[in-house]
């Protein structure tokens, strides 16, 4: 049975947090929307397939990069100085990082993991 990870993430400036590729980037407002979009990006391979199609040789992309977790859950809340996301998934941080970077670029921080 896969190990469940609980990631605690924060985004200091969510209003300006966007990935470098506009067609993959987060377009919402608020931590709840980011949590929802991140969960969707980890639950299905839709975002991965969009990214893969943009690669010079899509057939050479390792299928393992498209890993998904149908049971993922995420919640978001705004604090006085940042947006906080709590993510529960069986996926490793490497996959979470990949999807976060597509959505909001390097504008996030891993605060804790359990």
Protein backbone atom coordinates (compact mmCIF):
# COMPACT_ATOMS: atom_id res chain seq x y z
CA UNK A 1 0.00 0.00 0.00
CA UNK A 2 1.44 3.41 -0.97
CA UNK A 3 2.55 5.82 1.75
CA UNK A 4 0.36 8.86 2.25
CA UNK A 5 2.19 12.17 2.52
CA UNK A 6 0.84 15.36 4.02
CA UNK A 7 2.54 18.42 2.52
CA UNK A 8 2.17 21.90 4.00
CA UNK A 9 2.86 24.52 1.35
CA UNK A 10 2.76 28.29 1.35
CA UNK A 11 2.65 30.97 -1.32
CA UNK A 12 3.70 34.46 -0.24
CA UNK A 13 2.22 36.38 -3.19
CA UNK A 14 -0.56 34.28 -4.68
CA UNK A 15 -1.93 37.20 -6.72
CA UNK A 16 1.25 37.16 -8.83
CA UNK A 17 2.09 33.44 -8.65
CA UNK A 18 1.92 32.03 -12.17
CA UNK A 19 3.85 29.39 -14.05
CA UNK A 20 6.02 30.43 -16.98
CA UNK A 21 3.83 28.71 -19.61
CA UNK A 22 0.50 30.58 -19.75
CA UNK A 23 -1.45 27.60 -21.09
CA UNK A 24 -0.48 25.57 -17.99
CA UNK A 25 -0.46 28.37 -15.42
CA UNK A 26 -2.88 28.93 -12.56
CA UNK A 27 -5.56 31.44 -13.52
CA UNK A 28 -7.62 31.56 -10.36
CA UNK A 29 -7.87 33.82 -7.39
CA UNK A 30 -7.44 32.63 -3.83
CA UNK A 31 -5.94 29.69 -2.00
CA UNK A 32 -9.10 27.59 -2.25
CA UNK A 33 -8.94 27.74 -6.06
CA UNK A 34 -5.22 26.91 -6.05
CA UNK A 35 -5.86 23.93 -3.78
CA UNK A 36 -8.62 22.75 -6.11
CA UNK A 37 -6.48 23.21 -9.24
CA UNK A 38 -3.51 21.46 -7.64
CA UNK A 39 -5.67 18.52 -6.58
CA UNK A 40 -7.07 18.29 -10.13
CA UNK A 41 -3.52 18.39 -11.56
CA UNK A 42 -2.53 15.46 -9.34
CA UNK A 43 -5.78 13.49 -9.65
CA UNK A 44 -5.75 13.32 -13.45
CA UNK A 45 -3.06 13.48 -16.10
CA UNK A 46 -4.68 16.31 -18.09
CA UNK A 47 -2.10 18.95 -17.16
CA UNK A 48 0.71 16.45 -17.70
CA UNK A 49 -0.62 15.58 -21.16
CA UNK A 50 -0.76 19.29 -22.09
CA UNK A 51 2.85 19.74 -20.97
CA UNK A 52 3.96 16.54 -22.69
CA UNK A 53 2.45 17.67 -26.01
CA UNK A 54 4.64 20.81 -25.84
CA UNK A 55 7.88 18.83 -25.59
CA UNK A 56 10.17 18.47 -28.64
CA UNK A 57 9.76 14.68 -28.57
CA UNK A 58 6.68 13.77 -26.52
CA UNK A 59 7.28 10.05 -27.04
CA UNK A 60 10.56 10.35 -25.12
CA UNK A 61 8.88 11.71 -21.96
CA UNK A 62 8.99 9.14 -19.18
CA UNK A 63 5.45 7.90 -18.45
CA UNK A 64 6.25 7.92 -14.72
CA UNK A 65 6.20 11.74 -14.85
CA UNK A 66 2.47 11.50 -15.46
CA UNK A 67 1.74 9.69 -12.20
CA UNK A 68 -1.60 10.49 -10.60
CA UNK A 69 -3.38 9.96 -7.29
CA UNK A 70 -7.17 9.63 -7.60
CA UNK A 71 -7.51 10.03 -3.82
CA UNK A 72 -5.62 13.31 -3.48
CA UNK A 73 -7.12 16.06 -1.33
CA UNK A 74 -6.09 19.68 -0.86
CA UNK A 75 -7.35 22.60 1.17
CA UNK A 76 -6.35 26.21 1.00
CA UNK A 77 -6.67 29.16 3.32
CA UNK A 78 -5.44 32.71 3.45
CA UNK A 79 -3.49 33.94 6.46
CA UNK A 80 -2.42 37.52 7.06
CA UNK A 81 0.77 37.20 5.01
CA UNK A 82 0.43 34.16 2.76
CA UNK A 83 -1.75 31.45 1.25
CA UNK A 84 -1.41 28.05 2.90
CA UNK A 85 -2.16 24.76 1.14
CA UNK A 86 -2.45 21.41 2.89
CA UNK A 87 -2.06 18.56 0.42
CA UNK A 88 -2.62 14.87 1.17
CA UNK A 89 -1.40 12.46 -1.51
CA UNK A 90 0.48 9.25 -2.18
CA UNK A 91 2.58 11.00 -4.84
CA UNK A 92 6.22 11.85 -4.13
CA UNK A 93 7.36 15.44 -3.75
CA UNK A 94 9.03 15.31 -7.19
CA UNK A 95 5.61 14.99 -8.88
CA UNK A 96 3.99 17.58 -6.58
CA UNK A 97 6.85 19.99 -7.33
CA UNK A 98 6.49 19.43 -11.08
CA UNK A 99 2.76 20.27 -11.08
CA UNK A 100 3.18 23.22 -8.70
CA UNK A 101 5.88 24.68 -10.93
CA UNK A 102 3.64 24.37 -13.97
CA UNK A 103 0.80 26.07 -12.11
CA UNK A 104 2.55 28.81 -10.13
CA UNK A 105 6.24 28.61 -10.97
CA UNK A 106 8.79 28.77 -8.14
CA UNK A 107 6.48 30.97 -6.05
CA UNK A 108 5.81 28.38 -3.34
CA UNK A 109 7.55 26.94 -0.32
CA UNK A 110 7.34 23.55 1.36
CA UNK A 111 6.83 24.40 5.03
CA UNK A 112 6.48 20.91 6.46
CA UNK A 113 5.84 17.30 5.49
CA UNK A 114 4.42 14.37 7.44
